């Protein structure tokens, strides 16, 4: 699958219509060009769950924020009111360039912390050089997930960045 100037692969807007669930989804073999995001999950601050999702074999260039997780898409408010657990998520063989210096921004609700995140063979570099940052908050297995967090991710971290952070 090749995507141009899109959101590429997303589990999106879960909870917008009330309690919703997502289980056992695999995204495999994506090419993303000049996209907003590459492999990401967005929910609303309601109830439901997202479980067992795999993002595998992604190649991309000039992606605004390649890996992004948020429990409060668009509003940036009530992020910790979300009761949608996001768990059992795997990112593997993810390679490409980010538009800015953020490889991943992952904020999970304090009331439904993310767990069982797994990362392997992640190679994301800013298109203009330097080192890409990984920002994480409220991930239960953060120390053992296979991707080192460089700092905390704020609750209202935007989906679209407009410069380095």
N, C-alpha and C. Protein backbone atom coordinates (compact mmCIF):
# COMPACT_ATOMS: atom_id res chain seq x y z
N UNK A 1 0.86 -1.16 0.00
CA UNK A 1 0.00 0.00 0.00
C UNK A 1 0.90 1.22 0.00
N UNK A 2 0.66 2.14 -0.90
CA UNK A 2 1.41 3.39 -0.96
C UNK A 2 0.45 4.55 -0.73
N UNK A 3 0.83 5.45 0.19
CA UNK A 3 -0.01 6.59 0.54
C UNK A 3 0.77 7.88 0.34
N UNK A 4 0.13 8.86 -0.26
CA UNK A 4 0.71 10.18 -0.48
C UNK A 4 -0.12 11.22 0.26
N UNK A 5 0.57 12.07 1.04
CA UNK A 5 -0.08 13.19 1.71
C UNK A 5 -1.36 12.78 2.43
N UNK A 6 -1.24 11.79 3.29
CA UNK A 6 -2.40 11.26 4.00
C UNK A 6 -2.02 10.99 5.46
N UNK A 7 -2.90 10.35 6.18
CA UNK A 7 -2.59 9.89 7.53
C UNK A 7 -1.93 8.53 7.52
N UNK A 8 -1.79 7.95 6.36
CA UNK A 8 -1.19 6.62 6.13
C UNK A 8 -2.00 5.56 6.87
N UNK A 9 -1.47 4.91 7.90
CA UNK A 9 -2.18 3.81 8.57
C UNK A 9 -2.57 4.24 9.98
N UNK A 10 -3.87 4.22 10.26
CA UNK A 10 -4.35 4.74 11.55
C UNK A 10 -5.51 3.91 12.09
N UNK A 11 -5.47 3.69 13.37
CA UNK A 11 -6.65 3.25 14.12
C UNK A 11 -7.22 4.56 14.62
N UNK A 12 -8.35 5.00 14.04
CA UNK A 12 -8.73 6.38 14.29
C UNK A 12 -10.12 6.64 14.77
N UNK A 13 -10.20 7.71 15.55
CA UNK A 13 -11.45 8.26 16.05
C UNK A 13 -12.27 7.25 16.86
N UNK A 14 -11.57 6.36 17.56
CA UNK A 14 -12.26 5.37 18.39
C UNK A 14 -12.93 6.09 19.56
N UNK A 15 -14.19 5.80 19.79
CA UNK A 15 -14.94 6.41 20.87
C UNK A 15 -15.74 7.63 20.45
N UNK A 16 -15.61 8.07 19.24
CA UNK A 16 -16.36 9.24 18.79
C UNK A 16 -17.86 9.01 18.85
N UNK A 17 -18.27 7.79 18.54
CA UNK A 17 -19.69 7.46 18.52
C UNK A 17 -20.12 6.67 19.77
N UNK A 18 -19.40 6.85 20.89
CA UNK A 18 -19.71 6.12 22.11
C UNK A 18 -18.70 5.02 22.34
N UNK A 19 -19.09 3.96 23.01
CA UNK A 19 -18.19 2.86 23.31
C UNK A 19 -17.88 2.08 22.03
N UNK A 20 -16.59 2.02 21.69
CA UNK A 20 -16.16 1.31 20.49
C UNK A 20 -14.92 0.49 20.82
N UNK A 21 -14.72 -0.59 20.08
CA UNK A 21 -13.57 -1.45 20.32
C UNK A 21 -12.88 -1.80 19.01
N UNK A 22 -11.57 -2.04 19.10
CA UNK A 22 -10.77 -2.50 17.97
C UNK A 22 -9.91 -3.65 18.47
N UNK A 23 -9.93 -4.78 17.76
CA UNK A 23 -9.15 -5.95 18.15
C UNK A 23 -8.50 -6.57 16.93
N UNK A 24 -7.24 -7.01 17.11
CA UNK A 24 -6.57 -7.89 16.14
C UNK A 24 -6.50 -7.32 14.72
N UNK A 25 -5.75 -6.22 14.58
CA UNK A 25 -5.57 -5.57 13.29
C UNK A 25 -4.08 -5.60 12.94
N UNK A 26 -3.76 -5.91 11.68
CA UNK A 26 -2.38 -5.89 11.21
C UNK A 26 -2.29 -4.97 9.99
N UNK A 27 -1.41 -3.97 10.07
CA UNK A 27 -1.04 -3.13 8.93
C UNK A 27 0.33 -3.62 8.50
N UNK A 28 0.49 -4.07 7.27
CA UNK A 28 1.76 -4.65 6.83
C UNK A 28 2.09 -4.16 5.42
N UNK A 29 3.30 -3.64 5.25
CA UNK A 29 3.78 -3.25 3.93
C UNK A 29 3.25 -1.92 3.44
N UNK A 30 3.53 -0.85 4.18
CA UNK A 30 3.06 0.48 3.81
C UNK A 30 4.24 1.37 3.41
N UNK A 31 4.02 2.18 2.38
CA UNK A 31 4.93 3.25 1.98
C UNK A 31 4.17 4.56 2.14
N UNK A 32 4.74 5.48 2.92
CA UNK A 32 4.07 6.75 3.21
C UNK A 32 4.96 7.89 2.73
N UNK A 33 4.40 8.79 1.91
CA UNK A 33 5.17 9.90 1.35
C UNK A 33 4.53 11.23 1.73
N UNK A 34 5.32 12.09 2.35
CA UNK A 34 4.89 13.44 2.72
C UNK A 34 3.52 13.38 3.41
N UNK A 35 3.42 12.55 4.43
CA UNK A 35 2.16 12.33 5.13
C UNK A 35 2.17 13.00 6.50
N UNK A 36 0.98 13.11 7.09
CA UNK A 36 0.88 13.70 8.43
C UNK A 36 1.48 12.75 9.47
N UNK A 37 1.15 11.49 9.38
CA UNK A 37 1.63 10.48 10.30
C UNK A 37 1.85 9.20 9.50
N UNK A 38 2.43 8.18 10.15
CA UNK A 38 2.66 6.91 9.44
C UNK A 38 1.89 5.78 10.10
N UNK A 39 2.19 5.49 11.36
CA UNK A 39 1.59 4.34 12.05
C UNK A 39 1.11 4.84 13.41
N UNK A 40 -0.20 5.07 13.54
CA UNK A 40 -0.67 5.81 14.72
C UNK A 40 -2.06 5.41 15.19
N UNK A 41 -2.38 5.85 16.42
CA UNK A 41 -3.65 5.52 17.06
C UNK A 41 -4.21 6.78 17.70
N UNK A 42 -5.47 7.08 17.40
CA UNK A 42 -6.13 8.24 18.00
C UNK A 42 -7.50 7.83 18.52
N UNK A 43 -7.80 8.26 19.73
CA UNK A 43 -9.09 7.97 20.33
C UNK A 43 -9.68 9.24 20.92
N UNK A 44 -10.93 9.15 21.30
CA UNK A 44 -11.60 10.23 22.01
C UNK A 44 -11.64 9.85 23.49
N UNK A 45 -11.80 10.83 24.39
CA UNK A 45 -11.82 10.52 25.82
C UNK A 45 -13.16 9.93 26.27
N UNK A 46 -13.42 8.68 25.84
CA UNK A 46 -14.64 7.98 26.23
C UNK A 46 -14.27 6.57 26.69
N UNK A 47 -15.07 5.55 26.31
CA UNK A 47 -14.83 4.18 26.73
C UNK A 47 -14.71 3.25 25.53
N UNK A 48 -14.14 2.07 25.78
CA UNK A 48 -13.93 1.06 24.76
C UNK A 48 -12.55 0.47 24.94
N UNK A 49 -11.92 -0.01 23.85
CA UNK A 49 -10.53 -0.48 23.92
C UNK A 49 -9.94 -0.62 22.53
N UNK A 50 -8.61 -0.59 22.50
CA UNK A 50 -7.83 -0.89 21.31
C UNK A 50 -6.82 -1.95 21.73
N UNK A 51 -6.89 -3.14 21.12
CA UNK A 51 -6.03 -4.26 21.53
C UNK A 51 -5.47 -5.00 20.32
N UNK A 52 -4.23 -5.42 20.49
CA UNK A 52 -3.57 -6.30 19.51
C UNK A 52 -3.55 -5.72 18.10
N UNK A 53 -2.81 -4.62 17.97
CA UNK A 53 -2.63 -3.98 16.67
C UNK A 53 -1.15 -4.04 16.33
N UNK A 54 -0.84 -4.39 15.09
CA UNK A 54 0.55 -4.45 14.62
C UNK A 54 0.73 -3.54 13.41
N UNK A 55 1.78 -2.71 13.48
CA UNK A 55 2.23 -1.90 12.35
C UNK A 55 3.57 -2.50 11.94
N UNK A 56 3.65 -3.08 10.74
CA UNK A 56 4.84 -3.83 10.33
C UNK A 56 5.27 -3.44 8.90
N UNK A 57 6.58 -3.34 8.72
CA UNK A 57 7.16 -3.10 7.40
C UNK A 57 6.66 -1.79 6.78
N UNK A 58 7.00 -0.70 7.45
CA UNK A 58 6.67 0.64 6.98
C UNK A 58 7.94 1.33 6.50
N UNK A 59 7.86 1.95 5.33
CA UNK A 59 8.94 2.78 4.80
C UNK A 59 8.30 4.12 4.46
N UNK A 60 8.93 5.22 4.89
CA UNK A 60 8.31 6.52 4.67
C UNK A 60 9.37 7.60 4.50
N UNK A 61 8.91 8.74 3.93
CA UNK A 61 9.78 9.90 3.83
C UNK A 61 8.96 11.16 4.09
N UNK A 62 9.59 12.10 4.79
CA UNK A 62 8.99 13.41 5.07
C UNK A 62 7.62 13.29 5.75
N UNK A 63 7.58 12.50 6.81
CA UNK A 63 6.33 12.34 7.57
C UNK A 63 6.38 13.26 8.79
N UNK A 64 5.31 14.00 9.00
CA UNK A 64 5.26 15.00 10.06
C UNK A 64 5.58 14.39 11.43
N UNK A 65 4.87 13.36 11.83
CA UNK A 65 5.11 12.69 13.11
C UNK A 65 4.83 11.20 12.91
N UNK A 66 5.85 10.41 12.65
CA UNK A 66 5.65 9.03 12.21
C UNK A 66 4.83 8.15 13.16
N UNK A 67 5.16 8.14 14.44
CA UNK A 67 4.42 7.32 15.41
C UNK A 67 3.75 8.26 16.40
N UNK A 68 2.44 8.10 16.53
CA UNK A 68 1.67 9.03 17.36
C UNK A 68 0.55 8.26 18.05
N UNK A 69 0.39 8.47 19.36
CA UNK A 69 -0.70 7.86 20.13
C UNK A 69 -1.31 8.96 20.99
N UNK A 70 -2.63 9.10 20.93
CA UNK A 70 -3.32 10.09 21.75
C UNK A 70 -4.70 9.60 22.17
N UNK A 71 -5.10 9.89 23.43
CA UNK A 71 -6.44 9.55 23.89
C UNK A 71 -7.42 10.73 23.76
N UNK A 72 -6.98 11.81 23.14
CA UNK A 72 -7.85 12.99 23.07
C UNK A 72 -7.62 13.74 21.76
N UNK A 73 -7.84 13.05 20.66
CA UNK A 73 -7.56 13.61 19.35
C UNK A 73 -8.36 14.90 19.13
N UNK A 74 -7.73 15.83 18.51
CA UNK A 74 -8.27 17.13 18.10
C UNK A 74 -8.48 18.10 19.25
N UNK A 75 -9.07 17.68 20.37
CA UNK A 75 -9.37 18.65 21.42
C UNK A 75 -8.15 18.99 22.28
N UNK A 76 -7.31 17.99 22.57
CA UNK A 76 -6.20 18.23 23.48
C UNK A 76 -6.66 18.46 24.90
N UNK A 77 -7.94 18.17 25.18
CA UNK A 77 -8.48 18.36 26.53
C UNK A 77 -9.09 17.05 27.02
N UNK A 78 -9.23 16.94 28.33
CA UNK A 78 -9.81 15.75 28.97
C UNK A 78 -9.05 14.47 28.63
N UNK A 79 -7.78 14.58 28.33
CA UNK A 79 -6.98 13.42 27.92
C UNK A 79 -6.96 12.33 28.99
N UNK A 80 -6.94 12.73 30.24
CA UNK A 80 -6.86 11.74 31.31
C UNK A 80 -8.23 11.20 31.71
N UNK A 81 -9.30 11.69 31.08
CA UNK A 81 -10.64 11.15 31.31
C UNK A 81 -10.92 9.93 30.45
N UNK A 82 -10.05 9.66 29.48
CA UNK A 82 -10.27 8.53 28.59
C UNK A 82 -10.23 7.22 29.37
N UNK A 83 -11.18 6.35 29.06
CA UNK A 83 -11.23 5.01 29.64
C UNK A 83 -11.03 3.97 28.55
N UNK A 84 -10.31 4.36 27.50
CA UNK A 84 -10.03 3.45 26.39
C UNK A 84 -8.61 2.93 26.53
N UNK A 85 -8.44 1.72 27.08
CA UNK A 85 -7.09 1.17 27.14
C UNK A 85 -6.55 0.86 25.74
N UNK A 86 -5.29 1.20 25.54
CA UNK A 86 -4.59 0.90 24.30
C UNK A 86 -3.49 -0.07 24.68
N UNK A 87 -3.61 -1.33 24.22
CA UNK A 87 -2.68 -2.35 24.72
C UNK A 87 -2.38 -3.41 23.66
N UNK A 88 -1.19 -3.98 23.80
CA UNK A 88 -0.78 -5.02 22.87
C UNK A 88 -0.48 -4.46 21.49
N UNK A 89 0.20 -3.31 21.44
CA UNK A 89 0.48 -2.65 20.17
C UNK A 89 1.94 -2.91 19.80
N UNK A 90 2.18 -3.32 18.55
CA UNK A 90 3.54 -3.63 18.07
C UNK A 90 3.86 -2.78 16.86
N UNK A 91 5.05 -2.20 16.89
CA UNK A 91 5.62 -1.51 15.73
C UNK A 91 6.91 -2.25 15.40
N UNK A 92 7.03 -2.77 14.17
CA UNK A 92 8.25 -3.46 13.79
C UNK A 92 8.63 -3.16 12.34
N UNK A 93 9.93 -3.02 12.13
CA UNK A 93 10.47 -2.69 10.81
C UNK A 93 9.86 -1.37 10.30
N UNK A 94 10.10 -0.32 11.07
CA UNK A 94 9.59 1.01 10.76
C UNK A 94 10.80 1.88 10.41
N UNK A 95 10.87 2.35 9.16
CA UNK A 95 12.06 3.04 8.67
C UNK A 95 11.67 4.26 7.84
N UNK A 96 12.35 5.39 8.09
CA UNK A 96 12.13 6.54 7.24
C UNK A 96 12.58 7.84 7.87
N UNK A 97 12.14 8.94 7.23
CA UNK A 97 12.51 10.28 7.71
C UNK A 97 11.28 11.02 8.22
N UNK A 98 11.49 11.70 9.33
CA UNK A 98 10.46 12.57 9.89
C UNK A 98 10.71 14.00 9.41
N UNK A 99 9.66 14.75 9.27
CA UNK A 99 9.78 16.13 8.81
C UNK A 99 10.53 16.98 9.84
N UNK A 100 10.31 16.70 11.11
CA UNK A 100 10.95 17.44 12.20
C UNK A 100 11.74 16.46 13.06
N UNK A 101 12.07 16.85 14.27
CA UNK A 101 12.94 16.01 15.11
C UNK A 101 12.16 15.10 16.07
N UNK A 102 10.93 14.77 15.75
CA UNK A 102 10.13 13.86 16.58
C UNK A 102 9.85 12.58 15.79
N UNK A 103 10.32 11.46 16.33
CA UNK A 103 10.02 10.15 15.73
C UNK A 103 8.68 9.64 16.25
N UNK A 104 8.43 9.90 17.54
CA UNK A 104 7.19 9.39 18.16
C UNK A 104 6.75 10.32 19.28
N UNK A 105 5.45 10.57 19.33
CA UNK A 105 4.81 11.26 20.44
C UNK A 105 3.69 10.38 20.93
N UNK A 106 3.84 9.85 22.15
CA UNK A 106 2.85 8.89 22.67
C UNK A 106 2.39 9.33 24.05
N UNK A 107 1.16 9.79 24.13
CA UNK A 107 0.56 10.14 25.41
C UNK A 107 -0.62 9.22 25.64
N UNK A 108 -0.62 8.55 26.78
CA UNK A 108 -1.72 7.66 27.15
C UNK A 108 -2.41 8.23 28.38
N UNK A 109 -3.70 8.02 28.48
CA UNK A 109 -4.48 8.51 29.60
C UNK A 109 -3.94 7.97 30.93
N UNK A 110 -3.90 8.80 31.93
CA UNK A 110 -3.50 8.33 33.27
C UNK A 110 -4.50 7.33 33.82
N UNK A 111 -5.76 7.44 33.39
CA UNK A 111 -6.81 6.55 33.90
C UNK A 111 -6.94 5.25 33.12
N UNK A 112 -6.30 5.17 31.97
CA UNK A 112 -6.30 3.92 31.18
C UNK A 112 -4.93 3.85 30.50
N UNK A 113 -3.91 3.64 31.30
CA UNK A 113 -2.55 3.66 30.78
C UNK A 113 -2.35 2.60 29.69
N UNK A 114 -1.49 2.93 28.75
CA UNK A 114 -1.15 1.97 27.71
C UNK A 114 -0.26 0.88 28.29
N UNK A 115 -0.36 -0.30 27.72
CA UNK A 115 0.52 -1.38 28.18
C UNK A 115 0.82 -2.33 27.04
N UNK A 116 1.87 -3.07 27.23
CA UNK A 116 2.32 -4.06 26.25
C UNK A 116 2.61 -3.44 24.88
N UNK A 117 3.28 -2.29 24.88
CA UNK A 117 3.80 -1.73 23.64
C UNK A 117 5.11 -2.45 23.33
N UNK A 118 5.33 -2.76 22.04
CA UNK A 118 6.56 -3.43 21.61
C UNK A 118 7.09 -2.76 20.36
N UNK A 119 8.40 -2.50 20.37
CA UNK A 119 9.07 -1.89 19.23
C UNK A 119 10.27 -2.73 18.85
N UNK A 120 10.46 -2.97 17.55
CA UNK A 120 11.68 -3.63 17.08
C UNK A 120 12.03 -3.11 15.69
N UNK A 121 13.33 -2.93 15.49
CA UNK A 121 13.87 -2.45 14.22
C UNK A 121 13.22 -1.13 13.79
N UNK A 122 13.34 -0.14 14.67
CA UNK A 122 12.82 1.20 14.40
C UNK A 122 13.99 2.07 13.98
N UNK A 123 13.90 2.70 12.82
CA UNK A 123 14.97 3.55 12.31
C UNK A 123 14.35 4.81 11.69
N UNK A 124 14.17 5.83 12.54
CA UNK A 124 13.55 7.08 12.10
C UNK A 124 14.55 8.21 12.31
N UNK A 125 14.80 8.97 11.26
CA UNK A 125 15.76 10.07 11.33
C UNK A 125 15.09 11.33 10.78
N UNK A 126 15.39 12.49 11.38
CA UNK A 126 14.87 13.74 10.81
C UNK A 126 15.44 13.96 9.40
N UNK A 127 14.62 14.44 8.50
CA UNK A 127 15.06 14.60 7.11
C UNK A 127 16.18 15.62 6.97
N UNK A 128 16.29 16.57 7.92
CA UNK A 128 17.35 17.57 7.86
C UNK A 128 18.53 17.24 8.75
N UNK A 129 18.62 15.99 9.20
CA UNK A 129 19.74 15.56 10.03
C UNK A 129 19.45 15.68 11.51
N UNK A 130 20.36 15.16 12.31
CA UNK A 130 20.19 15.18 13.76
C UNK A 130 19.58 13.89 14.26
N UNK A 131 19.09 13.95 15.47
CA UNK A 131 18.52 12.78 16.13
C UNK A 131 17.04 13.00 16.38
N UNK A 132 16.24 12.00 16.08
CA UNK A 132 14.80 12.09 16.31
C UNK A 132 14.48 11.70 17.75
N UNK A 133 13.59 12.46 18.39
CA UNK A 133 13.19 12.21 19.77
C UNK A 133 11.97 11.30 19.84
N UNK A 134 11.91 10.57 20.94
CA UNK A 134 10.75 9.73 21.27
C UNK A 134 10.20 10.26 22.59
N UNK A 135 8.96 10.74 22.59
CA UNK A 135 8.33 11.30 23.78
C UNK A 135 7.22 10.36 24.24
N UNK A 136 7.21 10.03 25.54
CA UNK A 136 6.28 9.02 26.06
C UNK A 136 5.72 9.43 27.42
N UNK A 137 4.45 9.14 27.64
CA UNK A 137 3.83 9.34 28.96
C UNK A 137 2.78 8.27 29.20
N UNK A 138 2.79 7.73 30.40
CA UNK A 138 1.78 6.79 30.89
C UNK A 138 1.72 5.48 30.11
N UNK A 139 2.90 4.94 29.81
CA UNK A 139 3.01 3.62 29.19
C UNK A 139 3.58 2.68 30.25
N UNK A 140 2.83 1.67 30.63
CA UNK A 140 3.22 0.81 31.75
C UNK A 140 4.54 0.09 31.54
N UNK A 141 4.82 -0.41 30.37
CA UNK A 141 6.05 -1.17 30.15
C UNK A 141 7.10 -0.33 29.42
N UNK A 142 7.10 0.96 29.68
CA UNK A 142 7.98 1.89 28.97
C UNK A 142 9.44 1.48 29.01
N UNK A 143 9.94 1.00 30.13
CA UNK A 143 11.36 0.65 30.25
C UNK A 143 11.75 -0.57 29.43
N UNK A 144 10.79 -1.43 29.11
CA UNK A 144 11.12 -2.68 28.41
C UNK A 144 10.48 -2.79 27.03
N UNK A 145 9.94 -1.71 26.50
CA UNK A 145 9.18 -1.81 25.24
C UNK A 145 10.05 -1.87 23.99
N UNK A 146 11.35 -1.61 24.12
CA UNK A 146 12.24 -1.74 22.97
C UNK A 146 12.54 -0.43 22.26
N UNK A 147 12.04 0.68 22.79
CA UNK A 147 12.30 2.00 22.24
C UNK A 147 12.53 2.94 23.42
N UNK A 148 13.66 3.61 23.43
CA UNK A 148 14.01 4.48 24.55
C UNK A 148 13.29 5.82 24.43
N UNK A 149 12.63 6.20 25.51
CA UNK A 149 11.95 7.50 25.54
C UNK A 149 12.95 8.57 25.96
N UNK A 150 12.94 9.68 25.22
CA UNK A 150 13.86 10.78 25.50
C UNK A 150 13.27 11.82 26.43
N UNK A 151 11.97 11.76 26.63
CA UNK A 151 11.30 12.73 27.49
C UNK A 151 9.83 12.41 27.56
N UNK A 152 9.12 13.21 28.36
CA UNK A 152 7.68 12.96 28.49
C UNK A 152 6.92 13.69 27.39
N UNK A 153 5.79 13.13 27.05
CA UNK A 153 4.93 13.69 26.01
C UNK A 153 3.78 14.42 26.72
N UNK A 154 3.55 15.69 26.41
CA UNK A 154 2.44 16.39 27.05
C UNK A 154 1.08 15.88 26.57
N UNK A 155 0.07 16.03 27.42
CA UNK A 155 -1.27 15.54 27.09
C UNK A 155 -1.82 16.17 25.82
N UNK A 156 -1.53 17.41 25.60
CA UNK A 156 -2.09 18.11 24.44
C UNK A 156 -1.11 18.17 23.27
N UNK A 157 -0.22 17.17 23.17
CA UNK A 157 0.75 17.14 22.09
C UNK A 157 0.02 17.07 20.76
N UNK A 158 0.30 17.99 19.83
CA UNK A 158 -0.49 18.05 18.60
C UNK A 158 -0.20 16.91 17.63
N UNK A 159 -1.20 16.59 16.83
CA UNK A 159 -1.03 15.59 15.77
C UNK A 159 -0.11 16.13 14.69
N UNK A 160 -0.25 17.41 14.38
CA UNK A 160 0.56 18.06 13.36
C UNK A 160 1.56 19.01 14.00
N UNK A 161 2.82 18.75 13.80
CA UNK A 161 3.86 19.63 14.32
C UNK A 161 4.15 20.71 13.27
N UNK A 162 4.67 21.83 13.75
CA UNK A 162 5.03 22.89 12.81
C UNK A 162 6.48 23.33 13.02
N UNK A 163 7.30 22.42 13.51
CA UNK A 163 8.71 22.71 13.71
C UNK A 163 9.30 21.73 14.72
N UNK A 164 10.61 21.83 14.90
CA UNK A 164 11.29 20.97 15.87
C UNK A 164 10.85 21.29 17.28
N UNK A 165 11.01 20.30 18.16
CA UNK A 165 10.64 20.47 19.57
C UNK A 165 11.86 20.32 20.44
